[in-house]
PDB file of N, CA and C in Angstrom:
ATOM      1  N   MET A   1       3.630 -62.912  37.507  1.00  0.00           N
ATOM      2  CA  MET A   1       3.783 -61.574  37.981  1.00  0.00           C
ATOM      3  C   MET A   1       4.990 -60.892  37.358  1.00  0.00           C
ATOM      4  N   VAL A   2       6.101 -61.608  37.331  1.00  0.00           N
ATOM      5  CA  VAL A   2       7.315 -61.054  36.762  1.00  0.00           C
ATOM      6  C   VAL A   2       7.134 -60.831  35.251  1.00  0.00           C
ATOM      7  N   ILE A   3       6.436 -61.727  34.604  1.00  0.00           N
ATOM      8  CA  ILE A   3       6.204 -61.604  33.173  1.00  0.00           C
ATOM      9  C   ILE A   3       5.331 -60.384  32.879  1.00  0.00           C
ATOM     10  N   ARG A   4       4.325 -60.140  33.726  1.00  0.00           N
ATOM     11  CA  ARG A   4       3.454 -58.977  33.524  1.00  0.00           C
ATOM     12  C   ARG A   4       4.237 -57.677  33.658  1.00  0.00           C
ATOM     13  N   ARG A   5       5.124 -57.613  34.612  1.00  0.00           N
ATOM     14  CA  ARG A   5       5.931 -56.401  34.792  1.00  0.00           C
ATOM     15  C   ARG A   5       6.853 -56.187  33.590  1.00  0.00           C
ATOM     16  N   GLY A   6       7.421 -57.232  33.088  1.00  0.00           N
ATOM     17  CA  GLY A   6       8.301 -57.130  31.920  1.00  0.00           C
ATOM     18  C   GLY A   6       7.534 -56.688  30.688  1.00  0.00           C
ATOM     19  N   VAL A   7       6.361 -57.240  30.476  1.00  0.00           N
ATOM     20  CA  VAL A   7       5.529 -56.863  29.333  1.00  0.00           C
ATOM     21  C   VAL A   7       5.045 -55.429  29.505  1.00  0.00           C
ATOM     22  N   ARG A   8       4.647 -55.086  30.729  1.00  0.00           N
ATOM     23  CA  ARG A   8       4.164 -53.735  30.994  1.00  0.00           C
ATOM     24  C   ARG A   8       5.273 -52.707  30.741  1.00  0.00           C
ATOM     25  N   SER A   9       6.502 -52.965  31.172  1.00  0.00           N
ATOM     26  CA  SER A   9       7.595 -52.011  30.963  1.00  0.00           C
ATOM     27  C   SER A   9       7.924 -51.884  29.475  1.00  0.00           C
ATOM     28  N   VAL A  10       7.836 -52.976  28.746  1.00  0.00           N
ATOM     29  CA  VAL A  10       8.071 -52.925  27.304  1.00  0.00           C
ATOM     30  C   VAL A  10       6.972 -52.121  26.621  1.00  0.00           C
ATOM     31  N   LEU A  11       5.709 -52.358  27.012  1.00  0.00           N
ATOM     32  CA  LEU A  11       4.584 -51.633  26.408  1.00  0.00           C
ATOM     33  C   LEU A  11       4.611 -50.144  26.746  1.00  0.00           C
ATOM     34  N   VAL A  12       4.968 -49.811  27.973  1.00  0.00           N
ATOM     35  CA  VAL A  12       5.064 -48.399  28.364  1.00  0.00           C
ATOM     36  C   VAL A  12       6.180 -47.711  27.580  1.00  0.00           C
ATOM     37  N   THR A  13       7.310 -48.379  27.460  1.00  0.00           N
ATOM     38  CA  THR A  13       8.424 -47.820  26.691  1.00  0.00           C
ATOM     39  C   THR A  13       8.047 -47.658  25.223  1.00  0.00           C
ATOM     40  N   LEU A  14       7.383 -48.652  24.668  1.00  0.00           N
ATOM     41  CA  LEU A  14       6.935 -48.590  23.279  1.00  0.00           C
ATOM     42  C   LEU A  14       5.929 -47.460  23.071  1.00  0.00           C
ATOM     43  N   ALA A  15       4.990 -47.313  23.996  1.00  0.00           N
ATOM     44  CA  ALA A  15       3.999 -46.233  23.901  1.00  0.00           C
ATOM     45  C   ALA A  15       4.675 -44.872  23.989  1.00  0.00           C
ATOM     46  N   LEU A  16       5.662 -44.742  24.865  1.00  0.00           N
ATOM     47  CA  LEU A  16       6.391 -43.484  25.003  1.00  0.00           C
ATOM     48  C   LEU A  16       7.112 -43.137  23.702  1.00  0.00           C
ATOM     49  N   TYR A  17       7.763 -44.109  23.088  1.00  0.00           N
ATOM     50  CA  TYR A  17       8.444 -43.868  21.816  1.00  0.00           C
ATOM     51  C   TYR A  17       7.459 -43.516  20.704  1.00  0.00           C
ATOM     52  N   LEU A  18       6.312 -44.174  20.677  1.00  0.00           N
ATOM     53  CA  LEU A  18       5.312 -43.890  19.643  1.00  0.00           C
ATOM     54  C   LEU A  18       4.738 -42.481  19.783  1.00  0.00           C
ATOM     55  N   VAL A  19       4.437 -42.090  21.002  1.00  0.00           N
ATOM     56  CA  VAL A  19       3.882 -40.746  21.234  1.00  0.00           C
ATOM     57  C   VAL A  19       4.918 -39.676  20.910  1.00  0.00           C
ATOM     58  N   SER A  20       6.130 -39.866  21.366  1.00  0.00           N
ATOM     59  CA  SER A  20       7.170 -38.864  21.081  1.00  0.00           C
ATOM     60  C   SER A  20       7.489 -38.823  19.587  1.00  0.00           C
ATOM     61  N   GLY A  21       7.468 -39.964  18.915  1.00  0.00           N
ATOM     62  CA  GLY A  21       7.682 -39.996  17.465  1.00  0.00           C
ATOM     63  C   GLY A  21       6.562 -39.295  16.717  1.00  0.00           C
ATOM     64  N   ALA A  22       5.317 -39.454  17.183  1.00  0.00           N
ATOM     65  CA  ALA A  22       4.183 -38.773  16.556  1.00  0.00           C
ATOM     66  C   ALA A  22       4.290 -37.258  16.734  1.00  0.00           C
ATOM     67  N   VAL A  23       4.688 -36.819  17.921  1.00  0.00           N
ATOM     68  CA  VAL A  23       4.834 -35.383  18.170  1.00  0.00           C
ATOM     69  C   VAL A  23       5.947 -34.798  17.294  1.00  0.00           C
ATOM     70  N   VAL A  24       7.061 -35.474  17.215  1.00  0.00           N
ATOM     71  CA  VAL A  24       8.169 -34.986  16.383  1.00  0.00           C
ATOM     72  C   VAL A  24       7.770 -34.958  14.910  1.00  0.00           C
ATOM     73  N   SER A  25       7.082 -35.985  14.434  1.00  0.00           N
ATOM     74  CA  SER A  25       6.675 -36.004  13.025  1.00  0.00           C
ATOM     75  C   SER A  25       5.642 -34.920  12.741  1.00  0.00           C
ATOM     76  N   TYR A  26       4.772 -34.615  13.701  1.00  0.00           N
ATOM     77  CA  TYR A  26       3.803 -33.525  13.545  1.00  0.00           C
ATOM     78  C   TYR A  26       4.530 -32.202  13.337  1.00  0.00           C
ATOM     79  N   PHE A  27       5.508 -31.911  14.183  1.00  0.00           N
ATOM     80  CA  PHE A  27       6.236 -30.653  14.061  1.00  0.00           C
ATOM     81  C   PHE A  27       7.087 -30.607  12.789  1.00  0.00           C
ATOM     82  N   LEU A  28       7.675 -31.709  12.402  1.00  0.00           N
ATOM     83  CA  LEU A  28       8.460 -31.744  11.168  1.00  0.00           C
ATOM     84  C   LEU A  28       7.581 -31.521   9.936  1.00  0.00           C
ATOM     85  N   PHE A  29       6.384 -32.123   9.935  1.00  0.00           N
ATOM     86  CA  PHE A  29       5.463 -31.932   8.814  1.00  0.00           C
ATOM     87  C   PHE A  29       5.082 -30.459   8.674  1.00  0.00           C
ATOM     88  N   HIS A  30       4.739 -29.816   9.783  1.00  0.00           N
ATOM     89  CA  HIS A  30       4.330 -28.422   9.722  1.00  0.00           C
ATOM     90  C   HIS A  30       5.514 -27.472   9.493  1.00  0.00           C
ATOM     91  N   ALA A  31       6.704 -27.895   9.826  1.00  0.00           N
ATOM     92  CA  ALA A  31       7.876 -27.080   9.500  1.00  0.00           C
ATOM     93  C   ALA A  31       8.113 -27.069   7.993  1.00  0.00           C
ATOM     94  N   GLN A  32       7.719 -28.123   7.308  1.00  0.00           N
ATOM     95  CA  GLN A  32       7.882 -28.199   5.859  1.00  0.00           C
ATOM     96  C   GLN A  32       6.687 -27.576   5.123  1.00  0.00           C
ATOM     97  N   HIS A  33       5.467 -27.936   5.514  1.00  0.00           N
ATOM     98  CA  HIS A  33       4.278 -27.591   4.747  1.00  0.00           C
ATOM     99  C   HIS A  33       3.403 -26.527   5.389  1.00  0.00           C
ATOM    100  N   GLY A  34       3.717 -26.036   6.537  1.00  0.00           N
ATOM    101  CA  GLY A  34       2.853 -25.108   7.261  1.00  0.00           C
ATOM    102  C   GLY A  34       2.849 -23.711   6.653  1.00  0.00           C
ATOM    103  N   ALA A  35       2.065 -22.818   7.262  1.00  0.00           N
ATOM    104  CA  ALA A  35       1.928 -21.450   6.771  1.00  0.00           C
ATOM    105  C   ALA A  35       3.255 -20.690   6.850  1.00  0.00           C
ATOM    106  N   ARG A  36       4.112 -21.065   7.758  1.00  0.00           N
ATOM    107  CA  ARG A  36       5.428 -20.427   7.876  1.00  0.00           C
ATOM    108  C   ARG A  36       6.546 -21.437   7.639  1.00  0.00           C
ATOM    109  N   GLY A  37       6.261 -22.447   6.861  1.00  0.00           N
ATOM    110  CA  GLY A  37       7.218 -23.513   6.612  1.00  0.00           C
ATOM    111  C   GLY A  37       8.170 -23.194   5.472  1.00  0.00           C
ATOM    112  N   LEU A  38       8.923 -24.198   5.076  1.00  0.00           N
ATOM    113  CA  LEU A  38       9.937 -24.036   4.043  1.00  0.00           C
ATOM    114  C   LEU A  38       9.329 -23.750   2.674  1.00  0.00           C
ATOM    115  N   GLU A  39       8.202 -24.379   2.355  1.00  0.00           N
ATOM    116  CA  GLU A  39       7.562 -24.133   1.060  1.00  0.00           C
ATOM    117  C   GLU A  39       7.018 -22.721   0.988  1.00  0.00           C
ATOM    118  N   ALA A  40       6.455 -22.214   2.077  1.00  0.00           N
ATOM    119  CA  ALA A  40       5.952 -20.842   2.108  1.00  0.00           C
ATOM    120  C   ALA A  40       7.107 -19.852   1.950  1.00  0.00           C
ATOM    121  N   ARG A  41       8.252 -20.178   2.533  1.00  0.00           N
ATOM    122  CA  ARG A  41       9.423 -19.306   2.400  1.00  0.00           C
ATOM    123  C   ARG A  41       9.883 -19.243   0.953  1.00  0.00           C
ATOM    124  N   ASP A  42       9.890 -20.371   0.263  1.00  0.00           N
ATOM    125  CA  ASP A  42      10.288 -20.389  -1.143  1.00  0.00           C
ATOM    126  C   ASP A  42       9.335 -19.560  -1.995  1.00  0.00           C
ATOM    127  N   THR A  43       8.045 -19.649  -1.712  1.00  0.00           N
ATOM    128  CA  THR A  43       7.056 -18.862  -2.436  1.00  0.00           C
ATOM    129  C   THR A  43       7.274 -17.371  -2.206  1.00  0.00           C
ATOM    130  N   LEU A  44       7.520 -16.997  -0.968  1.00  0.00           N
ATOM    131  CA  LEU A  44       7.756 -15.585  -0.648  1.00  0.00           C
ATOM    132  C   LEU A  44       9.041 -15.069  -1.285  1.00  0.00           C
ATOM    133  N   GLN A  45      10.065 -15.903  -1.339  1.00  0.00           N
ATOM    134  CA  GLN A  45      11.312 -15.477  -1.976  1.00  0.00           C
ATOM    135  C   GLN A  45      11.125 -15.281  -3.476  1.00  0.00           C
ATOM    136  N   GLY A  46      10.314 -16.126  -4.111  1.00  0.00           N
ATOM    137  CA  GLY A  46      10.019 -15.945  -5.533  1.00  0.00           C
ATOM    138  C   GLY A  46       9.260 -14.650  -5.781  1.00  0.00           C
ATOM    139  N   THR A  47       8.299 -14.345  -4.924  1.00  0.00           N
ATOM    140  CA  THR A  47       7.562 -13.091  -5.035  1.00  0.00           C
ATOM    141  C   THR A  47       8.490 -11.904  -4.826  1.00  0.00           C
ATOM    142  N   LEU A  48       9.393 -12.030  -3.872  1.00  0.00           N
ATOM    143  CA  LEU A  48      10.353 -10.956  -3.597  1.00  0.00           C
ATOM    144  C   LEU A  48      11.252 -10.705  -4.801  1.00  0.00           C
ATOM    145  N   ARG A  49      11.713 -11.774  -5.453  1.00  0.00           N
ATOM    146  CA  ARG A  49      12.552 -11.602  -6.650  1.00  0.00           C
ATOM    147  C   ARG A  49      11.794 -10.868  -7.751  1.00  0.00           C
ATOM    148  N   GLY A  50      10.528 -11.220  -7.939  1.00  0.00           N
ATOM    149  CA  GLY A  50       9.712 -10.540  -8.947  1.00  0.00           C
ATOM    150  C   GLY A  50       9.535  -9.065  -8.630  1.00  0.00           C
ATOM    151  N   MET A  51       9.312  -8.744  -7.373  1.00  0.00           N
ATOM    152  CA  MET A  51       9.145  -7.352  -6.974  1.00  0.00           C
ATOM    153  C   MET A  51      10.446  -6.568  -7.100  1.00  0.00           C
ATOM    154  N   GLU A  52      11.581  -7.214  -6.815  1.00  0.00           N
ATOM    155  CA  GLU A  52      12.868  -6.537  -6.978  1.00  0.00           C
ATOM    156  C   GLU A  52      13.142  -6.240  -8.449  1.00  0.00           C
ATOM    157  N   ALA A  53      12.775  -7.161  -9.339  1.00  0.00           N
ATOM    158  CA  ALA A  53      12.945  -6.918 -10.774  1.00  0.00           C
ATOM    159  C   ALA A  53      12.051  -5.771 -11.228  1.00  0.00           C
ATOM    160  N   GLU A  54      10.827  -5.734 -10.716  1.00  0.00           N
ATOM    161  CA  GLU A  54       9.909  -4.639 -11.061  1.00  0.00           C
ATOM    162  C   GLU A  54      10.440  -3.311 -10.532  1.00  0.00           C
ATOM    163  N   LEU A  55      10.997  -3.331  -9.328  1.00  0.00           N
ATOM    164  CA  LEU A  55      11.582  -2.119  -8.748  1.00  0.00           C
ATOM    165  C   LEU A  55      12.745  -1.617  -9.587  1.00  0.00           C
ATOM    166  N   ALA A  56      13.586  -2.521 -10.061  1.00  0.00           N
ATOM    167  CA  ALA A  56      14.721  -2.118 -10.901  1.00  0.00           C
ATOM    168  C   ALA A  56      14.227  -1.487 -12.203  1.00  0.00           C
ATOM    169  N   ALA A  57      13.196  -2.079 -12.812  1.00  0.00           N
ATOM    170  CA  ALA A  57      12.651  -1.518 -14.053  1.00  0.00           C
ATOM    171  C   ALA A  57      12.043  -0.144 -13.802  1.00  0.00           C
ATOM    172  N   LEU A  58      11.333   0.012 -12.697  1.00  0.00           N
ATOM    173  CA  LEU A  58      10.728   1.308 -12.383  1.00  0.00           C
ATOM    174  C   LEU A  58      11.787   2.360 -12.056  1.00  0.00           C
ATOM    175  N   THR A  59      12.879   1.937 -11.437  1.00  0.00           N
ATOM    176  CA  THR A  59      13.966   2.868 -11.141  1.00  0.00           C
ATOM    177  C   THR A  59      14.596   3.376 -12.426  1.00  0.00           C
ATOM    178  N   VAL A  60      14.799   2.481 -13.390  1.00  0.00           N
ATOM    179  CA  VAL A  60      15.351   2.898 -14.685  1.00  0.00           C
ATOM    180  C   VAL A  60      14.390   3.856 -15.381  1.00  0.00           C
ATOM    181  N   GLU A  61      13.095   3.550 -15.330  1.00  0.00           N
ATOM    182  CA  GLU A  61      12.109   4.427 -15.961  1.00  0.00           C
ATOM    183  C   GLU A  61      12.078   5.798 -15.284  1.00  0.00           C
ATOM    184  N   ARG A  62      12.184   5.814 -13.965  1.00  0.00           N
ATOM    185  CA  ARG A  62      12.187   7.087 -13.250  1.00  0.00           C
ATOM    186  C   ARG A  62      13.411   7.919 -13.614  1.00  0.00           C
ATOM    187  N   LYS A  63      14.580   7.287 -13.713  1.00  0.00           N
ATOM    188  CA  LYS A  63      15.785   8.032 -14.103  1.00  0.00           C
ATOM    189  C   LYS A  63      15.636   8.605 -15.503  1.00  0.00           C
ATOM    190  N   SER A  64      14.993   7.851 -16.372  1.00  0.00           N
ATOM    191  CA  SER A  64      14.743   8.338 -17.729  1.00  0.00           C
ATOM    192  C   SER A  64      13.846   9.573 -17.698  1.00  0.00           C
ATOM    193  N   TRP A  65      12.778   9.508 -16.897  1.00  0.00           N
ATOM    194  CA  TRP A  65      11.885  10.659 -16.792  1.00  0.00           C
ATOM    195  C   TRP A  65      12.583  11.853 -16.146  1.00  0.00           C
ATOM    196  N   GLU A  66      13.402  11.616 -15.139  1.00  0.00           N
ATOM    197  CA  GLU A  66      14.127  12.713 -14.492  1.00  0.00           C
ATOM    198  C   GLU A  66      15.088  13.378 -15.469  1.00  0.00           C
ATOM    199  N   GLN A  67      15.757  12.572 -16.295  1.00  0.00           N
ATOM    200  CA  GLN A  67      16.670  13.128 -17.285  1.00  0.00           C
ATOM    201  C   GLN A  67      15.897  13.947 -18.302  1.00  0.00           C
ATOM    202  N   ARG A  68      14.741  13.455 -18.697  1.00  0.00           N
ATOM    203  CA  ARG A  68      13.929  14.177 -19.685  1.00  0.00           C
ATOM    204  C   ARG A  68      13.362  15.468 -19.095  1.00  0.00           C
ATOM    205  N   LEU A  69      12.974  15.431 -17.832  1.00  0.00           N
ATOM    206  CA  LEU A  69      12.465  16.641 -17.183  1.00  0.00           C
ATOM    207  C   LEU A  69      13.561  17.664 -16.953  1.00  0.00           C
ATOM    208  N   SER A  70      14.783  17.196 -16.755  1.00  0.00           N
ATOM    209  CA  SER A  70      15.883  18.146 -16.567  1.00  0.00           C
ATOM    210  C   SER A  70      16.129  18.968 -17.821  1.00  0.00           C
ATOM    211  N   LEU A  71      15.730  18.455 -18.981  1.00  0.00           N
ATOM    212  CA  LEU A  71      15.883  19.221 -20.224  1.00  0.00           C
ATOM    213  C   LEU A  71      14.847  20.339 -20.346  1.00  0.00           C
ATOM    214  N   VAL A  72      13.780  20.290 -19.581  1.00  0.00           N
ATOM    215  CA  VAL A  72      12.706  21.275 -19.676  1.00  0.00           C
ATOM    216  C   VAL A  72      12.769  22.271 -18.516  1.00  0.00           C
ATOM    217  N   ARG A  73      13.694  22.137 -17.632  1.00  0.00           N
ATOM    218  CA  ARG A  73      13.810  23.058 -16.495  1.00  0.00           C
ATOM    219  C   ARG A  73      14.136  24.468 -17.005  1.00  0.00           C
ATOM    220  N   ASP A  74      13.926  25.429 -16.129  1.00  0.00           N
ATOM    221  CA  ASP A  74      14.149  26.827 -16.493  1.00  0.00           C
ATOM    222  C   ASP A  74      15.608  27.132 -16.832  1.00  0.00           C
ATOM    223  N   GLU A  75      16.529  26.464 -16.177  1.00  0.00           N
ATOM    224  CA  GLU A  75      17.945  26.770 -16.375  1.00  0.00           C
ATOM    225  C   GLU A  75      18.403  26.421 -17.785  1.00  0.00           C
ATOM    226  N   ALA A  76      18.008  25.289 -18.292  1.00  0.00           N
ATOM    227  CA  ALA A  76      18.487  24.849 -19.606  1.00  0.00           C
ATOM    228  C   ALA A  76      17.331  24.183 -20.343  1.00  0.00           C
ATOM    229  N   VAL A  77      16.612  24.939 -21.145  1.00  0.00           N
ATOM    230  CA  VAL A  77      15.470  24.402 -21.882  1.00  0.00           C
ATOM    231  C   VAL A  77      15.953  23.899 -23.243  1.00  0.00           C
ATOM    232  N   ASP A  78      15.654  22.653 -23.528  1.00  0.00           N
ATOM    233  CA  ASP A  78      15.947  22.097 -24.844  1.00  0.00           C
ATOM    234  C   ASP A  78      14.779  22.462 -25.765  1.00  0.00           C
ATOM    235  N   ARG A  79      15.020  23.314 -26.736  1.00  0.00           N
ATOM    236  CA  ARG A  79      13.942  23.850 -27.566  1.00  0.00           C
ATOM    237  C   ARG A  79      13.235  22.769 -28.382  1.00  0.00           C
ATOM    238  N   ASP A  80      13.970  21.793 -28.859  1.00  0.00           N
ATOM    239  CA  ASP A  80      13.343  20.719 -29.637  1.00  0.00           C
ATOM    240  C   ASP A  80      12.357  19.918 -28.786  1.00  0.00           C
ATOM    241  N   LEU A  81      12.768  19.596 -27.566  1.00  0.00           N
ATOM    242  CA  LEU A  81      11.889  18.848 -26.683  1.00  0.00           C
ATOM    243  C   LEU A  81      10.677  19.684 -26.291  1.00  0.00           C
ATOM    244  N   LEU A  82      10.890  20.972 -26.041  1.00  0.00           N
ATOM    245  CA  LEU A  82       9.789  21.856 -25.689  1.00  0.00           C
ATOM    246  C   LEU A  82       8.789  21.976 -26.832  1.00  0.00           C
ATOM    247  N   GLU A  83       9.294  22.098 -28.054  1.00  0.00           N
ATOM    248  CA  GLU A  83       8.412  22.188 -29.220  1.00  0.00           C
ATOM    249  C   GLU A  83       7.637  20.879 -29.415  1.00  0.00           C
ATOM    250  N   GLU A  84       8.310  19.756 -29.247  1.00  0.00           N
ATOM    251  CA  GLU A  84       7.646  18.451 -29.382  1.00  0.00           C
ATOM    252  C   GLU A  84       6.529  18.289 -28.358  1.00  0.00           C
ATOM    253  N   MET A  85       6.804  18.682 -27.115  1.00  0.00           N
ATOM    254  CA  MET A  85       5.788  18.564 -26.075  1.00  0.00           C
ATOM    255  C   MET A  85       4.627  19.518 -26.320  1.00  0.00           C
ATOM    256  N   ALA A  86       4.921  20.733 -26.772  1.00  0.00           N
ATOM    257  CA  ALA A  86       3.853  21.698 -27.047  1.00  0.00           C
ATOM    258  C   ALA A  86       2.970  21.221 -28.191  1.00  0.00           C
ATOM    259  N   ARG A  87       3.566  20.677 -29.234  1.00  0.00           N
ATOM    260  CA  ARG A  87       2.776  20.174 -30.358  1.00  0.00           C
ATOM    261  C   ARG A  87       1.905  18.995 -29.955  1.00  0.00           C
ATOM    262  N   SER A  88       2.457  18.077 -29.167  1.00  0.00           N
ATOM    263  CA  SER A  88       1.653  16.921 -28.770  1.00  0.00           C
ATOM    264  C   SER A  88       0.541  17.325 -27.798  1.00  0.00           C
ATOM    265  N   THR A  89       0.816  18.300 -26.941  1.00  0.00           N
ATOM    266  CA  THR A  89      -0.200  18.747 -25.989  1.00  0.00           C
ATOM    267  C   THR A  89      -1.304  19.539 -26.676  1.00  0.00           C
ATOM    268  N   LEU A  90      -0.916  20.439 -27.565  1.00  0.00           N
ATOM    269  CA  LEU A  90      -1.900  21.297 -28.225  1.00  0.00           C
ATOM    270  C   LEU A  90      -2.538  20.649 -29.447  1.00  0.00           C
ATOM    271  N   GLY A  91      -1.926  19.604 -29.963  1.00  0.00           N
ATOM    272  CA  GLY A  91      -2.471  18.926 -31.131  1.00  0.00           C
ATOM    273  C   GLY A  91      -2.250  19.702 -32.422  1.00  0.00           C
ATOM    274  N   ARG A  92      -1.215  20.507 -32.477  1.00  0.00           N
ATOM    275  CA  ARG A  92      -0.911  21.324 -33.665  1.00  0.00           C
ATOM    276  C   ARG A  92       0.197  20.666 -34.483  1.00  0.00           C
ATOM    277  N   VAL A  93       0.191  20.957 -35.779  1.00  0.00           N
ATOM    278  CA  VAL A  93       1.261  20.494 -36.658  1.00  0.00           C
ATOM    279  C   VAL A  93       1.743  21.668 -37.488  1.00  0.00           C
ATOM    280  N   HIS A  94       2.982  21.589 -37.918  1.00  0.00           N
ATOM    281  CA  HIS A  94       3.570  22.606 -38.779  1.00  0.00           C
ATOM    282  C   HIS A  94       3.231  22.261 -40.221  1.00  0.00           C
ATOM    283  N   LYS A  95       3.214  23.248 -41.104  1.00  0.00           N
ATOM    284  CA  LYS A  95       2.819  22.977 -42.500  1.00  0.00           C
ATOM    285  C   LYS A  95       3.828  22.090 -43.218  1.00  0.00           C
ATOM    286  N   ASN A  96       5.065  22.012 -42.751  1.00  0.00           N
ATOM    287  CA  ASN A  96       6.083  21.179 -43.386  1.00  0.00           C
ATOM    288  C   ASN A  96       6.207  19.784 -42.742  1.00  0.00           C
ATOM    289  N   ASP A  97       5.397  19.501 -41.744  1.00  0.00           N
ATOM    290  CA  ASP A  97       5.485  18.213 -41.057  1.00  0.00           C
ATOM    291  C   ASP A  97       4.809  17.104 -41.898  1.00  0.00           C
ATOM    292  N   VAL A  98       5.368  15.929 -41.787  1.00  0.00           N
ATOM    293  CA  VAL A  98       4.781  14.757 -42.446  1.00  0.00           C
ATOM    294  C   VAL A  98       4.125  13.910 -41.350  1.00  0.00           C
ATOM    295  N   ILE A  99       2.864  13.574 -41.567  1.00  0.00           N
ATOM    296  CA  ILE A  99       2.109  12.820 -40.568  1.00  0.00           C
ATOM    297  C   ILE A  99       1.890  11.417 -41.111  1.00  0.00           C
ATOM    298  N   LEU A 100       2.261  10.405 -40.327  1.00  0.00           N
ATOM    299  CA  LEU A 100       2.063   8.997 -40.715  1.00  0.00           C
ATOM    300  C   LEU A 100       0.887   8.465 -39.929  1.00  0.00           C
ATOM    301  N   MET A 101      -0.102   7.971 -40.625  1.00  0.00           N
ATOM    302  CA  MET A 101      -1.304   7.425 -39.984  1.00  0.00           C
ATOM    303  C   MET A 101      -1.178   5.900 -39.964  1.00  0.00           C
ATOM    304  N   GLY A 102      -1.323   5.328 -38.818  1.00  0.00           N
ATOM    305  CA  GLY A 102      -1.251   3.863 -38.692  1.00  0.00           C
ATOM    306  C   GLY A 102      -2.639   3.258 -38.738  1.00  0.00           C
ATOM    307  N   ARG A 103      -2.688   1.954 -38.753  1.00  0.00           N
ATOM    308  CA  ARG A 103      -3.984   1.281 -38.769  1.00  0.00           C
ATOM    309  C   ARG A 103      -4.637   1.289 -37.442  1.00  0.00           C
TER     310      ARG A 103
END
């Protein structure tokens, strides 16, 4: 009788440790590999870095366009830029212009 109680208490304690260890390992596995785990965070951070680089490039391009548009505003028109835009839009060339044809 005493031996059965001792074995039973050891087995119950062992089962409790095994179940709690399984639950902890389940949560640790999903904290690493789950949809919101550490690997998913690294992937999202890489995507974020790529988007920030694209945003920086687009910001530079926008500033370039804003600077170019400021030359065509009514207050201060750059005649060379206006002539270049008119020629490219209308498809006209001056008789003294040299045209280079590419392949």
